[in-house]
């Protein structure tokens, strides 16, 4: 496996063939991102409202997608799209997507056993019967913790120490560790009430579901901001891997704690609103950092590019949050609420669609436009700024 994740590796550490392909991709931004958005948007809309409306979609699809996200991270960033990488592009996208869907259902079923009792039919039922274990919202912290831990292992820890293994067992090891972390948080920190007939197994931890969800959402914002939007700056150029990992972890943990104190303690923002707002920022960051990756890079100096991407992410996230919340508040909710649906749309619908299109399917069917060019021997390709 590479020493650093591709997205955070500085240009001078990439191979020339990679830089050639990157120059070809950047040359057609933002058109490439706009074309991809036309694919991402219908997928996101289907996940947001496609299961009989917004409430049924968030109640059923939100847990299933949440549990699928760590597996998607494994396929995209650890396995480099295997097994689909061995097939033609169209079939590769289909096979990888089906694998991620299957993994999401299996992991959701495992999550159901952990928080209550196994009943596969209730996984897909927006109104489970008395005694059936509902995944929403009880199991969401478990899936979100596993996903956050998987991103931390992948981007901040740079895959260490599993890089010594072949990429397939390394990915499985990372997924296993992320789940072990999620289980530790669930059994040690999660306060899960279990009303009679709910089908849940009660936990008496010190933190509520909303407390944990806020911390995870804010942690995700720092991961997206530093390691996707800013591609690992300011730690990615350090030569020593241990120093990059140490400072990267300190940056994310300290940033999460500081933001939590400011938002939830000083400003006294209600947890559901804070979660939804952070989800809007995360969705915008994935769009800017992945879908429109490099759109500013060849046009601005590195400091101005970082300022532009952060400003675009913040403004875009605020707009997404405001528009979705304004619409959601016009609806009637019973099992869920407006803020929960906004978070589902941002992370589980739009976020998943972006990662699936860019990192798993390699922008198919537009991947031919990012093929490595073959310049003449006497010419040198223009390297993107970092």
Protein backbone atom coordinates (compact mmCIF):
# COMPACT_ATOMS: atom_id res chain seq x y z
CA UNK A 1 0.00 0.00 0.00
CA UNK A 2 1.23 3.59 -0.60
CA UNK A 3 2.98 5.40 2.23
CA UNK A 4 0.24 8.06 2.37
CA UNK A 5 -3.36 8.10 1.17
CA UNK A 6 -3.47 9.32 -2.42
CA UNK A 7 -5.60 12.33 -1.55
CA UNK A 8 -3.09 13.66 1.02
CA UNK A 9 0.14 12.81 -0.80
CA UNK A 10 2.00 15.96 -1.98
CA UNK A 11 2.68 16.26 -5.71
CA UNK A 12 6.44 15.72 -5.39
CA UNK A 13 5.83 12.24 -3.91
CA UNK A 14 3.53 11.10 -6.73
CA UNK A 15 4.70 9.27 -9.83
CA UNK A 16 4.89 11.16 -13.10
CA UNK A 17 2.11 9.06 -14.62
CA UNK A 18 -0.19 10.00 -11.75
CA UNK A 19 0.65 13.69 -12.19
CA UNK A 20 -0.06 13.43 -15.92
CA UNK A 21 -3.50 11.94 -15.22
CA UNK A 22 -4.17 14.53 -12.53
CA UNK A 23 -3.28 17.38 -14.90
CA UNK A 24 -5.72 15.96 -17.45
CA UNK A 25 -8.45 15.78 -14.80
CA UNK A 26 -7.84 19.28 -13.46
CA UNK A 27 -7.88 20.70 -16.97
CA UNK A 28 -11.55 19.75 -17.36
CA UNK A 29 -12.73 20.93 -13.95
CA UNK A 30 -15.30 22.20 -13.04
CA UNK A 31 -17.00 20.60 -16.04
CA UNK A 32 -16.12 17.11 -14.82
CA UNK A 33 -17.62 17.87 -11.41
CA UNK A 34 -20.78 19.27 -12.96
CA UNK A 35 -21.17 16.17 -15.12
CA UNK A 36 -20.70 13.97 -12.07
CA UNK A 37 -23.22 16.01 -10.11
CA UNK A 38 -25.85 15.04 -12.67
CA UNK A 39 -25.25 11.42 -11.62
CA UNK A 40 -24.87 12.10 -7.91
CA UNK A 41 -28.06 14.14 -7.55
CA UNK A 42 -30.57 11.42 -8.63
CA UNK A 43 -28.87 8.87 -6.36
CA UNK A 44 -29.02 11.29 -3.44
CA UNK A 45 -32.67 12.10 -4.13
CA UNK A 46 -33.55 8.40 -4.28
CA UNK A 47 -31.96 7.79 -0.88
CA UNK A 48 -33.51 10.95 0.59
CA UNK A 49 -37.15 10.46 -0.37
CA UNK A 50 -37.38 7.30 -2.44
CA UNK A 51 -38.75 4.95 0.20
CA UNK A 52 -42.26 6.32 0.44
CA UNK A 53 -41.29 9.85 1.44
CA UNK A 54 -38.77 11.63 3.69
CA UNK A 55 -39.75 10.01 7.02
CA UNK A 56 -39.78 6.40 5.81
CA UNK A 57 -36.50 7.03 3.99
CA UNK A 58 -34.70 8.38 7.04
CA UNK A 59 -36.09 5.71 9.38
CA UNK A 60 -35.18 2.75 7.13
CA UNK A 61 -32.35 3.91 4.88
CA UNK A 62 -30.41 6.06 7.35
CA UNK A 63 -29.24 3.09 9.50
CA UNK A 64 -28.63 0.83 6.50
CA UNK A 65 -26.50 3.43 4.71
CA UNK A 66 -24.68 4.37 7.92
CA UNK A 67 -23.60 0.77 8.45
CA UNK A 68 -22.55 0.53 4.79
CA UNK A 69 -20.24 3.58 4.98
CA UNK A 70 -17.30 1.82 6.72
CA UNK A 71 -17.46 -0.98 4.15
CA UNK A 72 -17.52 1.58 1.33
CA UNK A 73 -14.44 3.24 2.83
CA UNK A 74 -12.70 -0.13 2.84
CA UNK A 75 -13.54 -0.86 -0.80
CA UNK A 76 -12.66 2.65 -2.01
CA UNK A 77 -9.54 3.52 -0.04
CA UNK A 78 -8.08 0.19 1.10
CA UNK A 79 -9.01 -2.30 -1.61
CA UNK A 80 -8.78 0.31 -4.40
CA UNK A 81 -12.16 -0.85 -5.74
CA UNK A 82 -11.46 -4.58 -5.73
CA UNK A 83 -13.22 -6.78 -6.78
CA UNK A 84 -14.64 -4.39 -9.35
CA UNK A 85 -11.15 -3.26 -10.38
CA UNK A 86 -10.67 -6.59 -12.16
CA UNK A 87 -13.70 -6.00 -14.40
CA UNK A 88 -14.72 -3.56 -17.14
CA UNK A 89 -15.58 -0.06 -15.78
CA UNK A 90 -19.37 -0.42 -16.01
CA UNK A 91 -19.38 -3.85 -14.40
CA UNK A 92 -16.82 -2.70 -11.83
CA UNK A 93 -19.16 0.04 -10.59
CA UNK A 94 -22.07 -2.40 -10.37
CA UNK A 95 -20.12 -5.15 -8.57
CA UNK A 96 -18.58 -2.77 -6.05
CA UNK A 97 -21.94 -1.14 -5.36
CA UNK A 98 -23.65 -4.50 -4.80
CA UNK A 99 -20.83 -5.57 -2.48
CA UNK A 100 -21.20 -2.39 -0.43
CA UNK A 101 -25.00 -2.80 -0.25
CA UNK A 102 -24.66 -6.41 0.90
CA UNK A 103 -22.05 -5.44 3.50
CA UNK A 104 -24.33 -2.67 4.77
CA UNK A 105 -27.23 -5.10 5.28
CA UNK A 106 -25.01 -7.66 7.04
CA UNK A 107 -23.45 -5.04 9.34
CA UNK A 108 -26.87 -3.51 10.05
CA UNK A 109 -28.13 -6.95 11.06
CA UNK A 110 -25.13 -7.29 13.37
CA UNK A 111 -25.90 -3.85 14.81
CA UNK A 112 -29.48 -4.94 15.42
CA UNK A 113 -28.25 -7.89 17.48
CA UNK A 114 -26.01 -5.61 19.53
CA UNK A 115 -28.68 -3.05 20.43
CA UNK A 116 -31.56 -5.52 20.74
CA UNK A 117 -32.73 -8.72 19.11
CA UNK A 118 -32.34 -10.06 15.59
CA UNK A 119 -35.29 -9.63 13.24
CA UNK A 120 -34.29 -9.16 9.61
CA UNK A 121 -37.74 -8.10 8.46
CA UNK A 122 -37.70 -5.07 10.78
CA UNK A 123 -34.53 -3.80 9.10
CA UNK A 124 -36.68 -2.71 6.17
CA UNK A 125 -39.88 -1.84 8.05
CA UNK A 126 -40.45 1.86 8.90
CA UNK A 127 -43.01 0.86 11.55
CA UNK A 128 -41.66 -2.27 13.30
CA UNK A 129 -44.03 -4.15 15.55
CA UNK A 130 -44.01 -4.34 19.34
CA UNK A 131 -40.85 -6.11 20.51
CA UNK A 132 -39.04 -5.73 17.20
CA UNK A 133 -35.73 -3.89 17.42
CA UNK A 134 -35.74 -0.64 15.41
CA UNK A 135 -32.37 0.48 14.11
CA UNK A 136 -33.47 4.11 14.00
CA UNK A 137 -32.33 5.90 16.07
CA UNK A 138 -30.94 3.44 18.62
CA UNK A 139 -28.24 1.88 16.42
CA UNK A 140 -27.10 5.05 14.65
CA UNK A 141 -24.31 5.90 17.15
CA UNK A 142 -22.84 2.42 16.65
CA UNK A 143 -22.68 2.78 12.87
CA UNK A 144 -21.51 6.41 13.02
CA UNK A 145 -18.73 5.51 15.46
CA UNK A 146 -17.51 2.72 13.18
CA UNK A 147 -17.54 5.07 10.17
CA UNK A 148 -15.74 7.88 12.02
CA UNK A 149 -13.12 5.44 13.31
CA UNK A 150 -12.67 4.00 9.81
CA UNK A 151 -12.07 7.48 8.37
CA UNK A 152 -9.62 8.26 11.17
CA UNK A 153 -7.67 5.06 10.48
CA UNK A 154 -7.74 5.68 6.73
CA UNK A 155 -6.97 9.39 6.46
CA UNK A 156 -5.41 10.52 9.75
CA UNK A 157 -3.56 7.35 10.73
CA UNK A 158 -2.67 6.84 7.04
CA UNK A 159 -3.56 3.15 7.32
CA UNK A 160 -0.84 2.48 9.87
CA UNK A 161 0.00 -0.15 11.12
CA UNK A 162 -1.97 -2.25 8.63
CA UNK A 163 0.02 -1.01 5.61
CA UNK A 164 2.46 -3.85 6.25
CA UNK A 165 -0.25 -6.29 5.15
CA UNK A 166 -1.62 -6.98 1.69
CA UNK A 167 -4.37 -4.48 0.90
CA UNK A 168 -7.21 -7.04 1.24
CA UNK A 169 -6.42 -8.25 4.79
CA UNK A 170 -5.36 -4.70 5.68
CA UNK A 171 -8.82 -3.39 4.79
CA UNK A 172 -10.54 -6.16 6.74
CA UNK A 173 -8.28 -5.46 9.73
CA UNK A 174 -9.11 -1.74 9.61
CA UNK A 175 -12.85 -2.46 9.38
CA UNK A 176 -12.56 -4.87 12.32
CA UNK A 177 -10.71 -2.33 14.46
CA UNK A 178 -13.25 0.37 13.63
CA UNK A 179 -16.02 -1.94 14.80
CA UNK A 180 -14.13 -2.81 17.98
CA UNK A 181 -13.86 0.90 18.72
CA UNK A 182 -17.57 1.32 18.03
CA UNK A 183 -18.39 -1.56 20.38
CA UNK A 184 -16.19 -0.07 23.11
CA UNK A 185 -17.99 3.27 22.80
CA UNK A 186 -21.38 1.54 22.75
CA UNK A 187 -20.84 -0.51 25.90
CA UNK A 188 -18.78 2.03 27.87
CA UNK A 189 -20.27 5.40 26.93
CA UNK A 190 -23.73 5.03 25.38
CA UNK A 191 -26.83 5.70 27.47
CA UNK A 192 -29.56 3.70 25.73
CA UNK A 193 -32.98 3.64 27.38
CA UNK A 194 -34.96 0.47 26.74
CA UNK A 195 -38.70 1.06 27.23
CA UNK A 196 -40.84 -2.01 27.74
CA UNK A 197 -41.68 -3.69 24.44
CA UNK A 198 -39.05 -1.70 22.51
CA UNK A 199 -36.90 -4.74 21.75
CA UNK A 200 -33.80 -2.81 22.87
CA UNK A 201 -31.10 -3.79 25.35
CA UNK A 202 -30.59 -0.89 27.75
CA UNK A 203 -27.19 0.72 28.37
CA UNK A 204 -26.31 3.01 31.26
CA UNK A 205 -23.41 5.01 29.86
CA UNK A 206 -22.62 8.65 30.63
CA UNK A 207 -23.49 10.05 27.19
CA UNK A 208 -26.79 10.24 25.35
CA UNK A 209 -27.26 9.38 21.70
CA UNK A 210 -27.32 13.05 20.78
CA UNK A 211 -24.11 13.79 22.74
CA UNK A 212 -22.26 11.06 20.87
CA UNK A 213 -23.79 12.02 17.53
CA UNK A 214 -22.71 15.67 17.94
CA UNK A 215 -19.12 14.67 18.70
CA UNK A 216 -19.03 12.27 15.75
CA UNK A 217 -20.51 14.85 13.37
CA UNK A 218 -18.00 17.51 14.45
CA UNK A 219 -15.13 15.02 14.22
CA UNK A 220 -16.28 14.19 10.70
CA UNK A 221 -16.22 17.90 9.83
CA UNK A 222 -12.58 18.18 10.87
CA UNK A 223 -11.68 15.01 8.97
CA UNK A 224 -13.38 16.28 5.81
CA UNK A 225 -11.98 19.79 6.15
CA UNK A 226 -8.33 18.96 6.80
CA UNK A 227 -7.87 15.67 4.94
CA UNK A 228 -10.24 16.00 1.96
CA UNK A 229 -10.86 19.69 1.30
CA UNK A 230 -7.28 20.72 2.22
CA UNK A 231 -5.71 17.35 1.29
CA UNK A 232 -3.86 16.96 4.59
CA UNK A 233 -2.50 20.48 4.97
CA UNK A 234 -0.71 21.53 7.17
CA UNK A 235 0.73 18.13 8.18
CA UNK A 236 0.90 16.27 4.85
CA UNK A 237 4.36 17.55 3.82
CA UNK A 238 6.13 16.32 6.96
CA UNK A 239 8.66 13.62 6.14
CA UNK A 240 8.26 11.52 9.30
CA UNK A 241 5.10 9.45 9.20
CA UNK A 242 4.85 9.22 12.98
CA UNK A 243 4.90 13.00 13.23
CA UNK A 244 2.21 13.38 10.53
CA UNK A 245 0.01 10.86 12.35
CA UNK A 246 0.56 12.40 15.78
CA UNK A 247 -0.11 15.98 14.70
CA UNK A 248 -3.02 14.96 12.47
CA UNK A 249 -4.74 13.17 15.35
CA UNK A 250 -4.09 16.06 17.72
CA UNK A 251 -5.53 18.49 15.17
CA UNK A 252 -8.73 16.49 14.68
CA UNK A 253 -9.28 15.67 18.36
CA UNK A 254 -8.49 19.18 19.62
CA UNK A 255 -10.54 20.78 16.84
CA UNK A 256 -13.51 18.55 17.64
CA UNK A 257 -13.33 19.32 21.36
CA UNK A 258 -12.94 23.06 20.80
CA UNK A 259 -15.82 23.20 18.31
CA UNK A 260 -18.04 21.21 20.67
CA UNK A 261 -17.34 23.65 23.53
CA UNK A 262 -18.02 26.68 21.32
CA UNK A 263 -21.12 25.34 19.58
CA UNK A 264 -22.85 23.29 22.25
CA UNK A 265 -21.67 24.95 25.46
CA UNK A 266 -20.93 28.60 24.70
CA UNK A 267 -23.48 29.16 21.92
CA UNK A 268 -25.90 26.57 23.40
CA UNK A 269 -26.92 25.26 19.99
CA UNK A 270 -29.36 22.37 20.35
CA UNK A 271 -27.74 19.01 19.52
CA UNK A 272 -30.09 18.13 16.61
CA UNK A 273 -29.37 21.49 14.96
CA UNK A 274 -25.62 21.13 15.54
CA UNK A 275 -25.65 17.64 14.02
CA UNK A 276 -27.60 18.77 10.96
CA UNK A 277 -25.38 21.84 10.45
CA UNK A 278 -22.21 19.74 10.71
CA UNK A 279 -23.71 17.25 8.26
CA UNK A 280 -24.32 20.10 5.80
CA UNK A 281 -20.68 21.17 6.10
CA UNK A 282 -19.53 17.57 5.60
CA UNK A 283 -21.66 17.13 2.48
CA UNK A 284 -20.38 20.38 0.99
CA UNK A 285 -16.81 19.36 1.84
CA UNK A 286 -17.20 16.06 0.00
CA UNK A 287 -18.60 17.86 -3.03
CA UNK A 288 -15.77 20.42 -3.03
CA UNK A 289 -12.98 18.04 -2.05
CA UNK A 290 -13.93 15.04 -4.18
CA UNK A 291 -16.48 15.86 -6.87
CA UNK A 292 -14.93 19.24 -7.81
CA UNK A 293 -11.46 18.27 -6.60
CA UNK A 294 -8.80 20.64 -7.94
CA UNK A 295 -11.24 23.14 -9.48
CA UNK A 296 -9.34 26.03 -7.84
CA UNK A 297 -5.87 24.49 -7.83
CA UNK A 298 -4.62 25.57 -11.26
CA UNK A 299 -6.19 29.03 -10.93
CA UNK A 300 -5.07 30.17 -7.46
CA UNK A 301 -1.98 30.08 -5.31
CA UNK A 302 -2.03 27.40 -2.55
CA UNK A 303 -3.05 29.80 0.29
CA UNK A 304 -5.80 31.34 -1.81
CA UNK A 305 -6.96 27.93 -2.96
CA UNK A 306 -7.30 26.77 0.65
CA UNK A 307 -9.23 29.92 1.51
CA UNK A 308 -11.49 29.48 -1.52
CA UNK A 309 -12.23 25.82 -0.84
CA UNK A 310 -12.96 26.46 2.84
CA UNK A 311 -15.21 29.42 2.05
CA UNK A 312 -17.04 27.46 -0.65
CA UNK A 313 -17.49 24.53 1.74
CA UNK A 314 -18.77 26.71 4.58
CA UNK A 315 -21.17 28.72 2.43
CA UNK A 316 -22.34 25.66 0.51
CA UNK A 317 -22.88 23.72 3.72
CA UNK A 318 -24.87 26.58 5.27
CA UNK A 319 -27.07 26.85 2.18
CA UNK A 320 -27.70 23.10 2.02
CA UNK A 321 -28.55 23.05 5.73
CA UNK A 322 -30.86 26.06 5.51
CA UNK A 323 -32.73 24.94 2.40
CA UNK A 324 -33.23 21.35 3.54
CA UNK A 325 -34.27 22.38 7.05
CA UNK A 326 -36.75 24.94 5.72
CA UNK A 327 -38.36 22.24 3.58
CA UNK A 328 -38.29 19.61 6.33
CA UNK A 329 -40.01 21.92 8.79
CA UNK A 330 -43.02 22.09 6.48
CA UNK A 331 -43.55 18.34 6.86
CA UNK A 332 -45.22 16.36 9.63
CA UNK A 333 -42.93 14.02 11.57
CA UNK A 334 -43.69 11.22 14.00
CA UNK A 335 -40.91 8.61 14.16
CA UNK A 336 -38.18 11.06 13.06
CA UNK A 337 -37.69 14.84 12.96
CA UNK A 338 -36.64 17.54 10.52
CA UNK A 339 -33.00 17.72 11.71
CA UNK A 340 -32.57 13.95 11.47
CA UNK A 341 -33.74 14.00 7.87
CA UNK A 342 -31.38 16.86 7.02
CA UNK A 343 -28.47 14.87 8.45
CA UNK A 344 -29.57 11.81 6.50
CA UNK A 345 -29.79 13.74 3.23
CA UNK A 346 -26.39 15.39 3.70
CA UNK A 347 -24.29 12.43 4.84
CA UNK A 348 -26.15 9.23 3.95
CA UNK A 349 -27.60 10.45 0.64
CA UNK A 350 -25.41 13.15 -0.88
CA UNK A 351 -22.20 12.13 0.88
CA UNK A 352 -22.55 8.46 -0.02
CA UNK A 353 -23.42 9.30 -3.64
CA UNK A 354 -20.31 11.50 -4.00
CA UNK A 355 -17.95 8.91 -2.50
CA UNK A 356 -19.54 6.15 -4.55
CA UNK A 357 -19.23 8.10 -7.82
CA UNK A 358 -15.71 9.46 -7.29
CA UNK A 359 -13.81 7.07 -5.03
CA UNK A 360 -15.50 3.74 -5.85
CA UNK A 361 -16.66 4.09 -9.46
CA UNK A 362 -13.87 6.51 -10.49
CA UNK A 363 -16.39 8.94 -12.01
CA UNK A 364 -17.77 6.30 -14.41
CA UNK A 365 -18.94 6.80 -17.14
CA UNK A 366 -16.63 9.83 -17.40
CA UNK A 367 -13.45 7.98 -16.32
CA UNK A 368 -12.13 7.86 -19.92
CA UNK A 369 -11.65 11.63 -19.68
CA UNK A 370 -9.16 11.18 -16.86
CA UNK A 371 -6.97 8.62 -18.58
CA UNK A 372 -3.26 9.21 -18.35
CA UNK A 373 -2.11 11.31 -21.34
CA UNK A 374 0.91 10.30 -23.36
CA UNK A 375 3.00 13.47 -23.79
CA UNK A 376 5.94 13.66 -26.15
CA UNK A 377 9.31 12.92 -24.61
CA UNK A 378 10.48 16.51 -25.08
CA UNK A 379 7.58 18.03 -23.19
CA UNK A 380 6.96 18.15 -19.46
CA UNK A 381 3.39 18.18 -18.13
CA UNK A 382 2.33 21.08 -15.99
CA UNK A 383 2.22 19.94 -12.40
CA UNK A 384 -0.72 21.02 -10.26
CA UNK A 385 0.01 23.33 -7.37
CA UNK A 386 0.02 21.93 -3.83
